[in-house]
Protein backbone atom coordinates (compact mmCIF):
# COMPACT_ATOMS: atom_id res chain seq x y z
CA MET A 1 12.00 -20.00 19.24
CA LYS A 2 9.40 -19.96 16.47
CA VAL A 3 8.81 -16.58 14.81
CA PRO A 4 5.98 -16.37 12.23
CA PHE A 5 6.04 -13.53 9.74
CA ALA A 6 2.86 -12.15 11.31
CA ASN A 7 0.21 -13.31 13.76
CA LEU A 8 -3.16 -11.79 12.90
CA TYR A 9 -4.98 -13.85 15.49
CA SER A 10 -3.00 -12.33 18.37
CA GLN A 11 -4.10 -8.88 17.26
CA TYR A 12 -7.73 -10.03 17.22
CA VAL A 13 -7.44 -11.45 20.75
CA SER A 14 -6.24 -8.07 22.03
CA ILE A 15 -9.47 -6.35 20.87
CA LYS A 16 -11.78 -9.37 20.76
CA GLU A 17 -14.64 -7.99 22.85
CA GLU A 18 -14.96 -4.81 20.78
CA ILE A 19 -14.73 -6.67 17.47
CA ASP A 20 -17.27 -9.31 18.45
CA ALA A 21 -19.73 -6.71 19.70
CA GLU A 22 -19.51 -4.74 16.45
CA ILE A 23 -20.00 -7.81 14.27
CA ILE A 24 -23.01 -8.91 16.30
CA ASP A 25 -24.47 -5.40 16.01
CA VAL A 26 -24.19 -5.51 12.21
CA ILE A 27 -25.86 -8.92 12.08
CA LYS A 28 -28.58 -7.83 14.51
CA ASN A 29 -29.46 -4.81 12.38
CA SER A 30 -28.90 -6.68 9.09
CA GLN A 31 -27.16 -3.67 7.49
CA TYR A 32 -24.59 -5.42 5.38
CA ILE A 33 -24.02 -3.20 2.32
CA LEU A 34 -23.29 0.57 2.28
CA SER A 35 -24.74 0.89 5.76
CA GLU A 36 -24.39 3.38 8.59
CA LYS A 37 -21.25 1.49 9.63
CA VAL A 38 -19.72 2.26 6.24
CA GLU A 39 -20.66 5.93 6.45
CA GLU A 40 -19.22 6.06 9.97
CA PHE A 41 -15.95 4.51 8.84
CA GLU A 42 -15.67 6.82 5.83
CA LEU A 43 -16.11 9.83 8.11
CA ASN A 44 -13.67 8.50 10.71
CA PHE A 45 -11.01 7.52 8.20
CA SER A 46 -11.15 10.80 6.29
CA PHE A 47 -10.77 12.73 9.57
CA TRP A 48 -7.89 10.50 10.74
CA ASN A 49 -6.11 10.77 7.40
CA GLY A 50 -6.65 14.49 6.97
CA SER A 51 -8.72 14.09 3.79
CA LYS A 52 -12.04 15.76 3.09
CA TYR A 53 -13.69 12.70 1.57
CA CYS A 54 -13.36 8.92 1.87
CA VAL A 55 -15.12 6.38 -0.36
CA GLY A 56 -15.15 2.77 0.86
CA CYS A 57 -14.93 0.04 -1.75
CA GLY A 58 -14.35 -3.69 -2.17
CA ASN A 59 -10.54 -3.80 -2.17
CA GLY A 60 -7.39 -1.85 -2.97
CA THR A 61 -7.16 -2.99 -6.58
CA ASP A 62 -10.72 -1.86 -7.25
CA ALA A 63 -9.82 1.44 -5.60
CA ILE A 64 -7.07 2.03 -8.16
CA GLU A 65 -9.37 1.14 -11.07
CA ILE A 66 -12.16 3.36 -9.73
CA ALA A 67 -9.67 6.21 -9.33
CA LEU A 68 -8.46 5.82 -12.92
CA GLN A 69 -12.01 5.68 -14.25
CA ALA A 70 -13.08 8.70 -12.20
CA LEU A 71 -10.12 10.65 -13.65
CA ASN A 72 -11.26 9.61 -17.15
CA ILE A 73 -8.05 7.70 -17.89
CA GLY A 74 -8.42 5.09 -20.62
CA PRO A 75 -7.34 4.00 -24.11
CA GLY A 76 -4.58 6.14 -25.57
CA ASP A 77 -3.46 7.42 -22.16
CA GLU A 78 -0.27 6.61 -20.31
CA VAL A 79 0.25 6.31 -16.56
CA ILE A 80 3.76 6.29 -15.10
CA VAL A 81 4.12 3.60 -12.41
CA PRO A 82 7.11 2.14 -10.55
CA ALA A 83 8.74 -0.96 -11.99
CA MET A 84 8.82 -2.43 -8.48
CA SER A 85 5.42 -2.78 -6.83
CA TRP A 86 2.59 -5.24 -6.34
CA VAL A 87 0.99 -6.24 -9.64
CA SER A 88 -2.17 -4.18 -9.02
CA SER A 89 -0.34 -0.94 -9.79
CA ALA A 90 0.07 -1.95 -13.44
CA GLU A 91 -2.83 -4.37 -13.72
CA ALA A 92 -5.38 -1.67 -12.92
CA VAL A 93 -3.97 0.65 -15.60
CA ILE A 94 -4.17 -2.08 -18.24
CA ARG A 95 -7.73 -3.01 -17.25
CA GLN A 96 -8.74 0.60 -17.91
CA GLY A 97 -7.31 0.33 -21.43
CA ALA A 98 -4.43 2.67 -20.67
CA LYS A 99 -0.70 1.91 -20.90
CA PRO A 100 1.58 1.61 -17.88
CA VAL A 101 4.94 3.31 -18.44
CA PHE A 102 7.48 1.98 -15.99
CA ALA A 103 10.00 4.09 -14.12
CA ASP A 104 12.81 2.86 -11.93
CA ILE A 105 12.87 3.39 -8.17
CA ASP A 106 15.19 5.30 -5.89
CA SER A 107 18.02 3.21 -4.41
CA SER A 108 17.38 4.48 -0.87
CA THR A 109 13.61 4.89 -0.53
CA TYR A 110 12.53 2.20 -3.05
CA CYS A 111 9.84 4.63 -4.23
CA LEU A 112 9.60 6.25 -7.68
CA ASP A 113 12.81 7.95 -8.82
CA TYR A 114 11.86 11.54 -9.66
CA ARG A 115 14.67 11.96 -12.20
CA THR A 116 13.61 8.87 -14.12
CA VAL A 117 9.97 9.95 -14.14
CA GLU A 118 10.75 13.36 -15.63
CA GLU A 119 12.29 11.70 -18.70
CA LEU A 120 9.21 9.53 -19.34
CA ILE A 121 6.51 12.23 -19.54
CA THR A 122 5.00 12.59 -23.02
CA ALA A 123 1.92 14.18 -24.54
CA LYS A 124 0.08 10.92 -23.73
CA THR A 125 0.92 10.97 -20.02
CA LYS A 126 -2.25 11.43 -18.01
CA ALA A 127 -1.05 10.61 -14.50
CA ILE A 128 1.83 9.59 -12.26
CA MET A 129 1.10 6.86 -9.75
CA VAL A 130 3.41 6.93 -6.75
CA VAL A 131 3.55 3.84 -4.54
CA HIS A 132 4.55 4.29 -0.91
CA LEU A 133 6.36 0.97 -0.95
CA TYR A 134 6.78 -1.00 2.29
CA GLY A 135 5.31 1.95 4.24
CA TYR A 136 7.84 4.60 3.20
CA PRO A 137 6.33 7.82 1.78
CA ALA A 138 7.39 8.74 -1.74
CA ASP A 139 8.45 12.36 -2.27
CA CYS A 140 4.98 13.65 -3.12
CA VAL A 141 6.03 17.27 -2.70
CA LEU A 142 8.25 16.98 -5.77
CA PHE A 143 5.76 14.87 -7.70
CA LYS A 144 2.86 17.20 -6.92
CA SER A 145 4.86 20.13 -8.27
CA LEU A 146 5.79 18.14 -11.38
CA CYS A 147 2.18 17.10 -12.02
CA LYS A 148 0.96 20.68 -11.64
CA GLN A 149 3.65 21.86 -14.05
CA GLU A 150 2.73 19.20 -16.63
CA GLY A 151 -1.04 19.39 -16.15
CA ILE A 152 -1.40 15.72 -15.18
CA PHE A 153 -2.90 13.85 -12.23
CA LEU A 154 -1.09 12.52 -9.18
CA ILE A 155 -2.41 9.22 -7.83
CA GLU A 156 -1.11 7.92 -4.50
CA ASP A 157 -1.07 4.18 -3.89
CA CYS A 158 -1.06 4.13 -0.09
CA ALA A 159 -1.91 0.43 0.23
CA GLN A 160 1.16 -0.22 2.39
CA ALA A 161 1.45 3.12 4.16
CA HIS A 162 -1.50 3.78 6.47
CA GLY A 163 -0.50 6.73 8.63
CA ALA A 164 2.87 7.51 7.01
CA PHE A 165 3.86 11.18 7.06
CA LEU A 166 5.80 13.40 4.72
CA GLU A 167 6.58 16.90 6.01
CA ASN A 168 3.80 16.59 8.62
CA LYS A 169 1.12 15.55 6.11
CA LYS A 170 -0.23 12.03 5.82
CA VAL A 171 0.09 10.13 2.58
CA GLY A 172 -3.03 10.25 0.46
CA THR A 173 -3.42 14.01 0.97
CA PHE A 174 -0.89 15.17 -1.64
CA GLY A 175 -2.38 13.80 -4.83
CA ASP A 176 -5.65 14.27 -6.63
CA ILE A 177 -6.71 10.95 -5.19
CA GLY A 178 -5.23 8.35 -2.85
CA ILE A 179 -6.07 4.68 -2.53
CA PHE A 180 -5.83 2.35 0.45
CA SER A 181 -6.07 -1.40 0.79
CA PHE A 182 -7.38 -3.00 3.96
CA TYR A 183 -6.20 -6.50 3.08
CA PRO A 184 -5.91 -8.41 6.39
CA GLY A 185 -2.12 -8.18 6.59
CA LYS A 186 -1.96 -4.39 6.17
CA ASN A 187 -1.21 -2.04 9.06
CA LEU A 188 -4.95 -1.37 9.11
CA GLY A 189 -6.49 -4.61 7.93
CA ALA A 190 -10.02 -5.94 7.61
CA TYR A 191 -11.06 -9.59 8.05
CA GLY A 192 -11.38 -10.00 4.30
CA ASP A 193 -11.00 -7.78 1.26
CA ALA A 194 -11.71 -4.07 1.66
CA GLY A 195 -10.35 -0.75 0.43
CA CYS A 196 -11.07 2.95 0.03
CA LEU A 197 -10.24 6.12 -1.87
CA VAL A 198 -9.53 9.54 -0.36
CA THR A 199 -9.64 12.96 -2.01
CA ASP A 200 -10.23 16.62 -1.22
CA GLN A 201 -12.32 17.10 -4.38
CA GLU A 202 -16.06 16.81 -3.77
CA GLU A 203 -16.97 16.08 -7.40
CA LEU A 204 -14.31 13.39 -7.68
CA ALA A 205 -15.56 11.72 -4.49
CA SER A 206 -19.11 11.79 -5.85
CA ILE A 207 -18.03 10.13 -9.10
CA CYS A 208 -16.14 7.44 -7.19
CA LYS A 209 -19.22 6.72 -5.07
CA GLN A 210 -21.27 6.30 -8.23
CA ILE A 211 -18.74 4.01 -9.89
CA ARG A 212 -18.45 1.69 -6.87
CA ASN A 213 -22.24 1.18 -6.86
CA HIS A 214 -23.11 0.37 -10.48
CA GLY A 215 -22.91 4.03 -11.51
CA GLN A 216 -25.99 4.97 -9.49
CA ILE A 217 -26.77 8.46 -8.24
CA SER A 218 -29.68 7.00 -6.33
CA LYS A 219 -31.54 3.71 -6.54
CA TYR A 220 -32.33 2.82 -10.16
CA LEU A 221 -30.94 6.14 -11.40
CA PHE A 222 -27.79 5.17 -13.31
CA ASN A 223 -25.52 8.04 -14.23
CA ARG A 224 -22.55 6.12 -15.69
CA ILE A 225 -21.16 2.63 -16.21
CA GLY A 226 -19.92 1.47 -12.84
CA ARG A 227 -19.13 -1.73 -11.00
CA ASN A 228 -20.06 -3.61 -7.85
CA SER A 229 -17.33 -2.71 -5.35
CA ARG A 230 -19.02 -1.76 -2.12
CA LEU A 231 -17.45 -1.90 1.33
CA ASP A 232 -19.65 -4.17 3.43
CA GLY A 233 -20.98 -3.36 6.89
CA ILE A 234 -19.08 -6.04 8.79
CA GLN A 235 -15.70 -4.99 7.38
CA ALA A 236 -16.49 -1.33 8.05
CA ALA A 237 -17.42 -2.15 11.65
CA ILE A 238 -14.16 -4.06 12.13
CA LEU A 239 -12.14 -1.22 10.61
CA ASN A 240 -13.88 1.31 12.85
CA VAL A 241 -12.64 -0.59 15.90
CA LYS A 242 -9.12 -1.04 14.53
CA LEU A 243 -8.81 2.60 13.50
CA LYS A 244 -8.72 3.56 17.18
CA TYR A 245 -5.53 1.52 17.61
CA ILE A 246 -3.66 2.13 14.36
CA ASP A 247 -1.49 4.95 15.71
CA SER A 248 -0.26 2.90 18.67
CA TRP A 249 0.25 -0.15 16.42
CA ASN A 250 2.30 1.95 14.01
CA ASN A 251 4.38 3.27 16.89
CA HIS A 252 5.14 -0.30 17.95
CA ARG A 253 6.22 -1.11 14.41
CA ARG A 254 8.50 1.93 14.35
CA TYR A 255 10.08 0.95 17.64
CA LEU A 256 10.71 -2.62 16.50
CA ALA A 257 12.15 -1.36 13.22
CA LYS A 258 14.53 0.92 15.11
CA LEU A 259 15.51 -2.03 17.28
CA TYR A 260 16.17 -4.19 14.21
CA SER A 261 18.33 -1.47 12.67
CA GLU A 262 20.38 -1.22 15.87
CA LEU A 263 20.74 -4.97 16.45
CA ILE A 264 21.51 -6.15 12.91
CA SER A 265 25.22 -5.48 12.67
CA ALA A 266 26.23 -7.57 9.66
CA LYS A 267 27.94 -5.27 7.15
CA GLU A 268 26.51 -7.38 4.31
CA ILE A 269 22.98 -6.21 5.18
CA VAL A 270 21.42 -3.00 3.82
CA ARG A 271 18.81 -1.80 6.31
CA PRO A 272 15.79 0.46 5.54
CA PHE A 273 16.43 4.14 4.94
CA VAL A 274 14.45 6.82 6.79
CA HIS A 275 14.85 10.53 6.01
CA GLU A 276 14.37 13.08 8.78
CA THR A 277 11.38 14.69 7.00
CA SER A 278 9.64 11.35 6.38
CA ASP A 279 7.83 8.93 8.63
CA HIS A 280 8.07 5.23 7.76
CA VAL A 281 5.24 3.05 9.13
CA PHE A 282 7.04 -0.21 8.31
CA HIS A 283 4.29 -2.28 6.78
CA LEU A 284 7.34 -4.37 5.94
CA TYR A 285 10.85 -4.32 7.32
CA VAL A 286 12.90 -5.12 4.24
CA ILE A 287 16.60 -5.83 4.30
CA ARG A 288 18.84 -6.35 1.28
CA THR A 289 21.69 -8.78 0.78
CA GLU A 290 23.32 -10.54 -2.17
CA ASN A 291 22.99 -13.74 -0.10
CA ARG A 292 19.19 -13.37 0.16
CA ASN A 293 18.17 -16.92 -0.73
CA ALA A 294 20.79 -18.58 1.49
CA LEU A 295 19.86 -16.30 4.38
CA LYS A 296 16.17 -17.10 3.92
CA SER A 297 16.91 -20.84 4.12
CA PHE A 298 19.09 -20.30 7.20
CA LEU A 299 16.29 -18.42 8.96
CA GLU A 300 13.80 -21.15 8.07
CA ASP A 301 16.10 -23.68 9.77
CA ARG A 302 15.81 -21.53 12.89
CA ASP A 303 11.98 -21.42 12.64
CA ILE A 304 11.96 -17.81 11.46
CA GLN A 305 9.54 -17.07 8.61
CA SER A 306 10.66 -14.50 6.05
CA LEU A 307 9.09 -13.52 2.73
CA ILE A 308 10.16 -12.00 -0.58
CA HIS A 309 8.31 -8.85 -1.71
CA TYR A 310 8.54 -9.02 -4.73
CA PRO A 311 10.61 -11.55 -6.74
CA GLN A 312 9.87 -10.09 -10.18
CA ILE A 313 9.75 -6.54 -11.54
CA LEU A 314 6.45 -5.56 -13.13
CA PRO A 315 7.68 -5.11 -16.74
CA GLU A 316 8.87 -8.74 -16.75
CA ILE A 317 5.63 -10.34 -15.55
CA PRO A 318 4.27 -12.07 -18.70
CA SER A 319 0.67 -10.86 -18.26
CA ILE A 320 1.99 -7.30 -17.99
CA SER A 321 4.79 -7.39 -20.57
CA SER A 322 2.39 -8.66 -23.24
CA HIS A 323 0.71 -5.24 -23.12
CA LEU A 324 3.92 -3.27 -23.50
CA ASP A 325 5.92 -2.09 -26.48
CA THR A 326 8.66 -4.40 -27.72
CA GLN A 327 11.38 -1.96 -26.65
CA LYS A 328 12.44 -2.62 -23.06
CA LEU A 329 14.18 -0.21 -20.76
CA ASP A 330 16.48 -1.21 -17.96
CA TYR A 331 15.40 -0.90 -14.33
CA PRO A 332 18.60 -1.62 -12.39
CA ILE A 333 17.44 -0.58 -8.93
CA SER A 334 14.09 -2.37 -9.21
CA ARG A 335 15.87 -5.49 -10.44
CA MET A 336 18.40 -5.29 -7.63
CA LEU A 337 15.57 -5.10 -5.10
CA ALA A 338 13.82 -8.09 -6.69
CA ASN A 339 17.01 -10.11 -6.36
CA GLU A 340 18.15 -8.99 -2.91
CA ALA A 341 15.11 -7.95 -0.81
CA LEU A 342 13.98 -10.04 2.13
CA SER A 343 11.12 -9.11 4.46
CA ILE A 344 11.71 -10.25 8.03
CA PRO A 345 9.03 -10.57 10.73
CA LEU A 346 7.45 -7.30 11.87
CA SER A 347 3.96 -6.71 13.22
CA ASP A 348 2.16 -4.76 15.90
CA THR A 349 2.15 -7.83 18.18
CA LEU A 350 5.73 -9.01 17.61
CA SER A 351 7.74 -9.23 20.84
CA TYR A 352 11.08 -7.60 21.60
CA GLU A 353 12.46 -11.06 22.31
CA ALA A 354 11.54 -12.16 18.80
CA VAL A 355 13.33 -9.16 17.28
CA HIS A 356 16.46 -10.01 19.26
CA TYR A 357 16.29 -13.63 18.15
CA VAL A 358 15.82 -12.73 14.46
CA SER A 359 18.59 -10.13 14.59
CA ASP A 360 21.01 -12.51 16.31
CA SER A 361 20.22 -15.19 13.73
CA ILE A 362 20.93 -12.83 10.83
CA ASN A 363 24.23 -11.80 12.40
CA ASP A 364 25.08 -15.45 13.04
CA PHE A 365 24.56 -16.31 9.38
CA PHE A 366 27.26 -13.87 8.31
CA ASN A 367 29.62 -14.75 11.15
CA LEU A 368 29.67 -18.49 10.60
């Protein structure tokens, strides 16, 4: 049995007629940039997420940079970010001229460790950026309280956590601003690059809209230095269709994740943690084992595709470390995850049979 990590085409086939009709409608009306389709998606997404405002933009990385700029974070400022995340979390901070200060992650949730973060706050700290890694919500209740106490901003990187809940609130609604990526492989993915920001602050949303469109208030009236990062009409139309299905797709992911956790019996495997007050949407189903590389090769021999997210902690990526102070802290949990994490197949179209086959193969590896 061949099990790819994900099959984006099978998802398209399931909603092909709706997608094709929407794309043709955009082409017919020739509304490609910041069109009615974009406004419709922004309204729909903000309502679905429980946010007052949504601002569509070019991609998730741009969304982080726009958020930082809108919050006036720049040279001389520090932003606390997790040592384990996709490179954008730190890259965006550096591109704004600010300094990323890395904190270790929690050994269970793989999100920012609150205790570590507390020790890193200084007079230069302007914001904490929590990353809802793999689809698990970071403890934003604690971080929101901490940010209020310290007078700093809370930024939520929700790029992997569309629809995740914490205490009955969706991620992106706790911080001053939340960012989402709609990269094709995400739980809610476009057919190219796309992203958005969400916030409950009207002025902040207005600033973000200006920044994404060359700093314009209206055509040829430039209020600030901005950029060209506009969500296009075709991607917005596609996302509008997919948004209707995201809840059912997430439910399928949750069910498959539960099935994995029940079927994988090898004691050498650490399975994902889920707290009773949190709702994991399993953008990735990540297991841990000291035999990660050997297991990955074994699965490949059985035609099972697995991936490593991510093989290197952010402070040790050369392009990032060159912007840091010479003194290096230790990040034991982040480093452990980099060395042991393996993402196994999970998607909204993956079959139960495939989950059984992958689980049996993992158990076989440790029983040989």
